Amino acid sequence: MSRASKFTLLGTSAFAAATVVFVHYQQGAEKEAMHQGVIRDMEQQRIKRERQLDFDMQRELEAEYKKVQSVRDSTAETGGGKTAAR
């Protein structure tokens, strides 16, 4: 085998090995990025559930306070918020 053919074989083998290593690394990086997306989605869902629970609790408290306290609509007393014409 000539020296040029040995270098060609070595070069193509090194290029093929580097390609395999790069593709393997790239697949691992993509898999990790996809997993981070799942984690981010789960966190957003957790925050959404917490906010909904807070909203429900505030609505229940408002209903309870309206039962306990007498609340009058201030806009009805002033004629719907409009002043009388003179």
PDB file of N, CA and C in Angstrom:
ATOM      1  N   MET A   1       0.843  -1.167   0.000  1.00  0.00           N
ATOM      2  CA  MET A   1       0.000   0.000   0.000  1.00  0.00           C
ATOM      3  C   MET A   1       0.893   1.236   0.000  1.00  0.00           C
ATOM      4  N   SER A   2       0.562   2.190  -0.819  1.00  0.00           N
ATOM      5  CA  SER A   2       1.392   3.389  -0.923  1.00  0.00           C
ATOM      6  C   SER A   2       1.121   4.317   0.269  1.00  0.00           C
ATOM      7  N   ARG A   3       2.046   5.244   0.408  1.00  0.00           N
ATOM      8  CA  ARG A   3       1.948   6.194   1.514  1.00  0.00           C
ATOM      9  C   ARG A   3       0.701   7.077   1.348  1.00  0.00           C
ATOM     10  N   ALA A   4       0.377   7.505   0.164  1.00  0.00           N
ATOM     11  CA  ALA A   4      -0.792   8.353  -0.082  1.00  0.00           C
ATOM     12  C   ALA A   4      -2.079   7.607   0.249  1.00  0.00           C
ATOM     13  N   SER A   5      -2.156   6.342  -0.120  1.00  0.00           N
ATOM     14  CA  SER A   5      -3.373   5.578   0.175  1.00  0.00           C
ATOM     15  C   SER A   5      -3.523   5.342   1.677  1.00  0.00           C
ATOM     16  N   LYS A   6      -2.393   5.185   2.390  1.00  0.00           N
ATOM     17  CA  LYS A   6      -2.446   5.021   3.852  1.00  0.00           C
ATOM     18  C   LYS A   6      -2.983   6.299   4.509  1.00  0.00           C
ATOM     19  N   PHE A   7      -2.486   7.459   4.026  1.00  0.00           N
ATOM     20  CA  PHE A   7      -2.962   8.731   4.577  1.00  0.00           C
ATOM     21  C   PHE A   7      -4.442   8.952   4.259  1.00  0.00           C
ATOM     22  N   THR A   8      -4.849   8.560   3.073  1.00  0.00           N
ATOM     23  CA  THR A   8      -6.254   8.689   2.690  1.00  0.00           C
ATOM     24  C   THR A   8      -7.130   7.814   3.573  1.00  0.00           C
ATOM     25  N   LEU A   9      -6.714   6.569   3.778  1.00  0.00           N
ATOM     26  CA  LEU A   9      -7.463   5.656   4.645  1.00  0.00           C
ATOM     27  C   LEU A   9      -7.514   6.193   6.073  1.00  0.00           C
ATOM     28  N   LEU A  10      -6.385   6.670   6.570  1.00  0.00           N
ATOM     29  CA  LEU A  10      -6.329   7.226   7.924  1.00  0.00           C
ATOM     30  C   LEU A  10      -7.227   8.464   8.035  1.00  0.00           C
ATOM     31  N   GLY A  11      -7.173   9.331   7.042  1.00  0.00           N
ATOM     32  CA  GLY A  11      -7.982  10.551   7.068  1.00  0.00           C
ATOM     33  C   GLY A  11      -9.469  10.257   7.032  1.00  0.00           C
ATOM     34  N   THR A  12      -9.888   9.359   6.146  1.00  0.00           N
ATOM     35  CA  THR A  12     -11.313   9.033   6.066  1.00  0.00           C
ATOM     36  C   THR A  12     -11.784   8.304   7.317  1.00  0.00           C
ATOM     37  N   SER A  13     -10.929   7.458   7.879  1.00  0.00           N
ATOM     38  CA  SER A  13     -11.294   6.759   9.120  1.00  0.00           C
ATOM     39  C   SER A  13     -11.442   7.751  10.275  1.00  0.00           C
ATOM     40  N   ALA A  14     -10.519   8.709  10.362  1.00  0.00           N
ATOM     41  CA  ALA A  14     -10.587   9.719  11.421  1.00  0.00           C
ATOM     42  C   ALA A  14     -11.830  10.590  11.239  1.00  0.00           C
ATOM     43  N   PHE A  15     -12.133  10.955   9.994  1.00  0.00           N
ATOM     44  CA  PHE A  15     -13.317  11.762   9.723  1.00  0.00           C
ATOM     45  C   PHE A  15     -14.586  11.005  10.100  1.00  0.00           C
ATOM     46  N   ALA A  16     -14.645   9.716   9.767  1.00  0.00           N
ATOM     47  CA  ALA A  16     -15.821   8.905  10.101  1.00  0.00           C
ATOM     48  C   ALA A  16     -15.970   8.780  11.613  1.00  0.00           C
ATOM     49  N   ALA A  17     -14.857   8.549  12.314  1.00  0.00           N
ATOM     50  CA  ALA A  17     -14.907   8.429  13.773  1.00  0.00           C
ATOM     51  C   ALA A  17     -15.342   9.755  14.405  1.00  0.00           C
ATOM     52  N   ALA A  18     -14.811  10.862  13.901  1.00  0.00           N
ATOM     53  CA  ALA A  18     -15.189  12.173  14.430  1.00  0.00           C
ATOM     54  C   ALA A  18     -16.672  12.446  14.180  1.00  0.00           C
ATOM     55  N   THR A  19     -17.170  12.025  13.025  1.00  0.00           N
ATOM     56  CA  THR A  19     -18.588  12.210  12.714  1.00  0.00           C
ATOM     57  C   THR A  19     -19.459  11.417  13.675  1.00  0.00           C
ATOM     58  N   VAL A  20     -19.079  10.177  13.950  1.00  0.00           N
ATOM     59  CA  VAL A  20     -19.847   9.339  14.878  1.00  0.00           C
ATOM     60  C   VAL A  20     -19.850   9.955  16.274  1.00  0.00           C
ATOM     61  N   VAL A  21     -18.693  10.428  16.731  1.00  0.00           N
ATOM     62  CA  VAL A  21     -18.601  11.047  18.058  1.00  0.00           C
ATOM     63  C   VAL A  21     -19.448  12.319  18.111  1.00  0.00           C
ATOM     64  N   PHE A  22     -19.380  13.138  17.069  1.00  0.00           N
ATOM     65  CA  PHE A  22     -20.153  14.377  17.037  1.00  0.00           C
ATOM     66  C   PHE A  22     -21.652  14.087  17.057  1.00  0.00           C
ATOM     67  N   VAL A  23     -22.096  13.132  16.250  1.00  0.00           N
ATOM     68  CA  VAL A  23     -23.526  12.801  16.206  1.00  0.00           C
ATOM     69  C   VAL A  23     -23.986  12.271  17.558  1.00  0.00           C
ATOM     70  N   HIS A  24     -23.167  11.443  18.195  1.00  0.00           N
ATOM     71  CA  HIS A  24     -23.516  10.915  19.517  1.00  0.00           C
ATOM     72  C   HIS A  24     -23.647  12.054  20.528  1.00  0.00           C
ATOM     73  N   TYR A  25     -22.700  12.981  20.508  1.00  0.00           N
ATOM     74  CA  TYR A  25     -22.753  14.125  21.415  1.00  0.00           C
ATOM     75  C   TYR A  25     -23.987  14.982  21.123  1.00  0.00           C
ATOM     76  N   GLN A  26     -24.266  15.222  19.847  1.00  0.00           N
ATOM     77  CA  GLN A  26     -25.407  16.054  19.457  1.00  0.00           C
ATOM     78  C   GLN A  26     -26.723  15.425  19.908  1.00  0.00           C
ATOM     79  N   GLN A  27     -26.852  14.115  19.778  1.00  0.00           N
ATOM     80  CA  GLN A  27     -28.073  13.432  20.218  1.00  0.00           C
ATOM     81  C   GLN A  27     -28.253  13.570  21.728  1.00  0.00           C
ATOM     82  N   GLY A  28     -27.164  13.445  22.473  1.00  0.00           N
ATOM     83  CA  GLY A  28     -27.241  13.615  23.927  1.00  0.00           C
ATOM     84  C   GLY A  28     -27.669  15.022  24.307  1.00  0.00           C
ATOM     85  N   ALA A  29     -27.131  16.013  23.598  1.00  0.00           N
ATOM     86  CA  ALA A  29     -27.491  17.405  23.883  1.00  0.00           C
ATOM     87  C   ALA A  29     -28.961  17.663  23.556  1.00  0.00           C
ATOM     88  N   GLU A  30     -29.448  17.120  22.442  1.00  0.00           N
ATOM     89  CA  GLU A  30     -30.856  17.299  22.076  1.00  0.00           C
ATOM     90  C   GLU A  30     -31.778  16.607  23.079  1.00  0.00           C
ATOM     91  N   LYS A  31     -31.376  15.436  23.530  1.00  0.00           N
ATOM     92  CA  LYS A  31     -32.182  14.712  24.518  1.00  0.00           C
ATOM     93  C   LYS A  31     -32.279  15.514  25.813  1.00  0.00           C
ATOM     94  N   GLU A  32     -31.167  16.096  26.241  1.00  0.00           N
ATOM     95  CA  GLU A  32     -31.159  16.905  27.463  1.00  0.00           C
ATOM     96  C   GLU A  32     -32.024  18.157  27.292  1.00  0.00           C
ATOM     97  N   ALA A  33     -31.954  18.778  26.124  1.00  0.00           N
ATOM     98  CA  ALA A  33     -32.771  19.971  25.867  1.00  0.00           C
ATOM     99  C   ALA A  33     -34.256  19.618  25.896  1.00  0.00           C
ATOM    100  N   MET A  34     -34.620  18.482  25.328  1.00  0.00           N
ATOM    101  CA  MET A  34     -36.020  18.058  25.351  1.00  0.00           C
ATOM    102  C   MET A  34     -36.470  17.778  26.780  1.00  0.00           C
ATOM    103  N   HIS A  35     -35.593  17.181  27.581  1.00  0.00           N
ATOM    104  CA  HIS A  35     -35.932  16.885  28.972  1.00  0.00           C
ATOM    105  C   HIS A  35     -36.125  18.182  29.760  1.00  0.00           C
ATOM    106  N   GLN A  36     -35.297  19.181  29.489  1.00  0.00           N
ATOM    107  CA  GLN A  36     -35.457  20.473  30.164  1.00  0.00           C
ATOM    108  C   GLN A  36     -36.798  21.105  29.804  1.00  0.00           C
ATOM    109  N   GLY A  37     -37.252  20.898  28.579  1.00  0.00           N
ATOM    110  CA  GLY A  37     -38.566  21.401  28.179  1.00  0.00           C
ATOM    111  C   GLY A  37     -39.680  20.752  28.973  1.00  0.00           C
ATOM    112  N   VAL A  38     -39.549  19.446  29.221  1.00  0.00           N
ATOM    113  CA  VAL A  38     -40.554  18.731  30.014  1.00  0.00           C
ATOM    114  C   VAL A  38     -40.562  19.264  31.441  1.00  0.00           C
ATOM    115  N   ILE A  39     -39.381  19.464  31.992  1.00  0.00           N
ATOM    116  CA  ILE A  39     -39.281  19.990  33.363  1.00  0.00           C
ATOM    117  C   ILE A  39     -39.893  21.391  33.431  1.00  0.00           C
ATOM    118  N   ARG A  40     -39.608  22.225  32.430  1.00  0.00           N
ATOM    119  CA  ARG A  40     -40.164  23.581  32.406  1.00  0.00           C
ATOM    120  C   ARG A  40     -41.691  23.541  32.308  1.00  0.00           C
ATOM    121  N   ASP A  41     -42.226  22.645  31.478  1.00  0.00           N
ATOM    122  CA  ASP A  41     -43.681  22.517  31.352  1.00  0.00           C
ATOM    123  C   ASP A  41     -44.317  22.067  32.662  1.00  0.00           C
ATOM    124  N   MET A  42     -43.674  21.123  33.349  1.00  0.00           N
ATOM    125  CA  MET A  42     -44.209  20.650  34.630  1.00  0.00           C
ATOM    126  C   MET A  42     -44.219  21.782  35.654  1.00  0.00           C
ATOM    127  N   GLU A  43     -43.179  22.601  35.653  1.00  0.00           N
ATOM    128  CA  GLU A  43     -43.107  23.728  36.581  1.00  0.00           C
ATOM    129  C   GLU A  43     -44.205  24.747  36.268  1.00  0.00           C
ATOM    130  N   GLN A  44     -44.442  25.016  34.992  1.00  0.00           N
ATOM    131  CA  GLN A  44     -45.501  25.950  34.613  1.00  0.00           C
ATOM    132  C   GLN A  44     -46.869  25.416  35.022  1.00  0.00           C
ATOM    133  N   GLN A  45     -47.086  24.120  34.886  1.00  0.00           N
ATOM    134  CA  GLN A  45     -48.359  23.528  35.298  1.00  0.00           C
ATOM    135  C   GLN A  45     -48.530  23.617  36.808  1.00  0.00           C
ATOM    136  N   ARG A  46     -47.435  23.411  37.560  1.00  0.00           N
ATOM    137  CA  ARG A  46     -47.496  23.522  39.018  1.00  0.00           C
ATOM    138  C   ARG A  46     -47.860  24.945  39.426  1.00  0.00           C
ATOM    139  N   ILE A  47     -47.238  25.925  38.793  1.00  0.00           N
ATOM    140  CA  ILE A  47     -47.528  27.325  39.105  1.00  0.00           C
ATOM    141  C   ILE A  47     -48.976  27.658  38.757  1.00  0.00           C
ATOM    142  N   LYS A  48     -49.454  27.152  37.628  1.00  0.00           N
ATOM    143  CA  LYS A  48     -50.839  27.398  37.219  1.00  0.00           C
ATOM    144  C   LYS A  48     -51.814  26.811  38.233  1.00  0.00           C
ATOM    145  N   ARG A  49     -51.527  25.589  38.725  1.00  0.00           N
ATOM    146  CA  ARG A  49     -52.396  24.978  39.741  1.00  0.00           C
ATOM    147  C   ARG A  49     -52.393  25.798  41.022  1.00  0.00           C
ATOM    148  N   GLU A  50     -51.212  26.275  41.441  1.00  0.00           N
ATOM    149  CA  GLU A  50     -51.132  27.093  42.653  1.00  0.00           C
ATOM    150  C   GLU A  50     -51.945  28.379  42.502  1.00  0.00           C
ATOM    151  N   ARG A  51     -51.829  29.017  41.354  1.00  0.00           N
ATOM    152  CA  ARG A  51     -52.580  30.255  41.130  1.00  0.00           C
ATOM    153  C   ARG A  51     -54.081  29.988  41.129  1.00  0.00           C
ATOM    154  N   GLN A  52     -54.491  28.870  40.535  1.00  0.00           N
ATOM    155  CA  GLN A  52     -55.915  28.535  40.511  1.00  0.00           C
ATOM    156  C   GLN A  52     -56.416  28.271  41.927  1.00  0.00           C
ATOM    157  N   LEU A  53     -55.618  27.570  42.743  1.00  0.00           N
ATOM    158  CA  LEU A  53     -56.014  27.317  44.131  1.00  0.00           C
ATOM    159  C   LEU A  53     -56.128  28.626  44.909  1.00  0.00           C
ATOM    160  N   ASP A  54     -55.172  29.541  44.696  1.00  0.00           N
ATOM    161  CA  ASP A  54     -55.244  30.847  45.355  1.00  0.00           C
ATOM    162  C   ASP A  54     -56.495  31.608  44.925  1.00  0.00           C
ATOM    163  N   PHE A  55     -56.792  31.566  43.636  1.00  0.00           N
ATOM    164  CA  PHE A  55     -57.979  32.250  43.124  1.00  0.00           C
ATOM    165  C   PHE A  55     -59.241  31.663  43.741  1.00  0.00           C
ATOM    166  N   ASP A  56     -59.331  30.329  43.801  1.00  0.00           N
ATOM    167  CA  ASP A  56     -60.504  29.681  44.391  1.00  0.00           C
ATOM    168  C   ASP A  56     -60.647  30.040  45.863  1.00  0.00           C
ATOM    169  N   MET A  57     -59.526  30.072  46.580  1.00  0.00           N
ATOM    170  CA  MET A  57     -59.564  30.418  47.994  1.00  0.00           C
ATOM    171  C   MET A  57     -60.040  31.862  48.176  1.00  0.00           C
ATOM    172  N   GLN A  58     -59.555  32.773  47.339  1.00  0.00           N
ATOM    173  CA  GLN A  58     -59.983  34.165  47.430  1.00  0.00           C
ATOM    174  C   GLN A  58     -61.469  34.310  47.112  1.00  0.00           C
ATOM    175  N   ARG A  59     -61.953  33.552  46.153  1.00  0.00           N
ATOM    176  CA  ARG A  59     -63.380  33.600  45.810  1.00  0.00           C
ATOM    177  C   ARG A  59     -64.218  33.088  46.982  1.00  0.00           C
ATOM    178  N   GLU A  60     -63.772  32.007  47.633  1.00  0.00           N
ATOM    179  CA  GLU A  60     -64.497  31.482  48.792  1.00  0.00           C
ATOM    180  C   GLU A  60     -64.492  32.488  49.934  1.00  0.00           C
ATOM    181  N   LEU A  61     -63.345  33.123  50.165  1.00  0.00           N
ATOM    182  CA  LEU A  61     -63.269  34.130  51.224  1.00  0.00           C
ATOM    183  C   LEU A  61     -64.183  35.313  50.916  1.00  0.00           C
ATOM    184  N   GLU A  62     -64.218  35.732  49.667  1.00  0.00           N
ATOM    185  CA  GLU A  62     -65.097  36.837  49.285  1.00  0.00           C
ATOM    186  C   GLU A  62     -66.558  36.484  49.533  1.00  0.00           C
ATOM    187  N   ALA A  63     -66.944  35.267  49.169  1.00  0.00           N
ATOM    188  CA  ALA A  63     -68.327  34.835  49.387  1.00  0.00           C
ATOM    189  C   ALA A  63     -68.637  34.781  50.881  1.00  0.00           C
ATOM    190  N   GLU A  64     -67.692  34.296  51.666  1.00  0.00           N
ATOM    191  CA  GLU A  64     -67.894  34.217  53.116  1.00  0.00           C
ATOM    192  C   GLU A  64     -68.015  35.615  53.720  1.00  0.00           C
ATOM    193  N   TYR A  65     -67.161  36.534  53.298  1.00  0.00           N
ATOM    194  CA  TYR A  65     -67.212  37.895  53.826  1.00  0.00           C
ATOM    195  C   TYR A  65     -68.501  38.601  53.421  1.00  0.00           C
ATOM    196  N   LYS A  66     -68.991  38.334  52.227  1.00  0.00           N
ATOM    197  CA  LYS A  66     -70.247  38.949  51.796  1.00  0.00           C
ATOM    198  C   LYS A  66     -71.418  38.432  52.618  1.00  0.00           C
ATOM    199  N   LYS A  67     -71.338  37.183  53.082  1.00  0.00           N
ATOM    200  CA  LYS A  67     -72.394  36.646  53.942  1.00  0.00           C
ATOM    201  C   LYS A  67     -72.352  37.308  55.312  1.00  0.00           C
ATOM    202  N   VAL A  68     -71.151  37.498  55.843  1.00  0.00           N
ATOM    203  CA  VAL A  68     -70.985  38.022  57.192  1.00  0.00           C
ATOM    204  C   VAL A  68     -71.226  39.529  57.233  1.00  0.00           C
ATOM    205  N   GLN A  69     -70.735  40.257  56.260  1.00  0.00           N
ATOM    206  CA  GLN A  69     -70.828  41.712  56.260  1.00  0.00           C
ATOM    207  C   GLN A  69     -71.949  42.160  55.332  1.00  0.00           C
ATOM    208  N   SER A  70     -72.529  43.294  55.696  1.00  0.00           N
ATOM    209  CA  SER A  70     -73.533  43.853  54.794  1.00  0.00           C
ATOM    210  C   SER A  70     -72.802  44.763  53.817  1.00  0.00           C
ATOM    211  N   VAL A  71     -72.937  44.458  52.567  1.00  0.00           N
ATOM    212  CA  VAL A  71     -72.248  45.225  51.538  1.00  0.00           C
ATOM    213  C   VAL A  71     -73.297  45.876  50.657  1.00  0.00           C
ATOM    214  N   ARG A  72     -73.193  47.196  50.525  1.00  0.00           N
ATOM    215  CA  ARG A  72     -74.116  47.918  49.659  1.00  0.00           C
ATOM    216  C   ARG A  72     -73.355  48.371  48.424  1.00  0.00           C
ATOM    217  N   ASP A  73     -74.051  48.399  47.327  1.00  0.00           N
ATOM    218  CA  ASP A  73     -73.458  48.852  46.079  1.00  0.00           C
ATOM    219  C   ASP A  73     -73.426  50.371  46.092  1.00  0.00           C
ATOM    220  N   SER A  74     -72.257  50.958  46.119  1.00  0.00           N
ATOM    221  CA  SER A  74     -72.140  52.412  46.227  1.00  0.00           C
ATOM    222  C   SER A  74     -72.573  53.112  44.946  1.00  0.00           C
ATOM    223  N   THR A  75     -72.526  52.453  43.818  1.00  0.00           N
ATOM    224  CA  THR A  75     -72.947  53.101  42.568  1.00  0.00           C
ATOM    225  C   THR A  75     -74.455  53.234  42.498  1.00  0.00           C
ATOM    226  N   ALA A  76     -75.204  52.354  43.152  1.00  0.00           N
ATOM    227  CA  ALA A  76     -76.666  52.425  43.135  1.00  0.00           C
ATOM    228  C   ALA A  76     -77.153  53.610  43.961  1.00  0.00           C
ATOM    229  N   GLU A  77     -76.426  53.965  45.020  1.00  0.00           N
ATOM    230  CA  GLU A  77     -76.839  55.063  45.887  1.00  0.00           C
ATOM    231  C   GLU A  77     -76.657  56.416  45.216  1.00  0.00           C
ATOM    232  N   THR A  78     -75.696  56.551  44.362  1.00  0.00           N
ATOM    233  CA  THR A  78     -75.413  57.843  43.738  1.00  0.00           C
ATOM    234  C   THR A  78     -76.034  57.953  42.360  1.00  0.00           C
ATOM    235  N   GLY A  79     -76.931  57.088  42.044  1.00  0.00           N
ATOM    236  CA  GLY A  79     -77.596  57.164  40.748  1.00  0.00           C
ATOM    237  C   GLY A  79     -76.757  56.558  39.636  1.00  0.00           C
ATOM    238  N   GLY A  80     -76.084  55.482  39.943  1.00  0.00           N
ATOM    239  CA  GLY A  80     -75.297  54.811  38.920  1.00  0.00           C
ATOM    240  C   GLY A  80     -73.969  55.478  38.648  1.00  0.00           C
ATOM    241  N   GLY A  81     -73.502  56.265  39.579  1.00  0.00           N
ATOM    242  CA  GLY A  81     -72.220  56.914  39.406  1.00  0.00           C
ATOM    243  C   GLY A  81     -72.299  58.232  38.659  1.00  0.00           C
ATOM    244  N   LYS A  82     -73.506  58.647  38.256  1.00  0.00           N
ATOM    245  CA  LYS A  82     -73.669  59.896  37.516  1.00  0.00           C
ATOM    246  C   LYS A  82     -74.170  60.970  38.472  1.00  0.00           C
ATOM    247  N   THR A  83     -73.737  62.168  38.250  1.00  0.00           N
ATOM    248  CA  THR A  83     -74.212  63.273  39.083  1.00  0.00           C
ATOM    249  C   THR A  83     -75.473  63.861  38.467  1.00  0.00           C
ATOM    250  N   ALA A  84     -76.326  64.413  39.326  1.00  0.00           N
ATOM    251  CA  ALA A  84     -77.591  64.988  38.851  1.00  0.00           C
ATOM    252  C   ALA A  84     -77.316  66.305  38.141  1.00  0.00           C
ATOM    253  N   ALA A  85     -78.040  66.549  37.067  1.00  0.00           N
ATOM    254  CA  ALA A  85     -77.869  67.797  36.312  1.00  0.00           C
ATOM    255  C   ALA A  85     -78.618  68.915  37.020  1.00  0.00           C
ATOM    256  N   ARG A  86     -78.055  70.109  37.087  1.00  0.00           N
ATOM    257  CA  ARG A  86     -78.669  71.250  37.780  1.00  0.00           C
ATOM    258  C   ARG A  86     -79.176  72.257  36.830  1.00  0.00           C
TER     259      ARG A  86
END
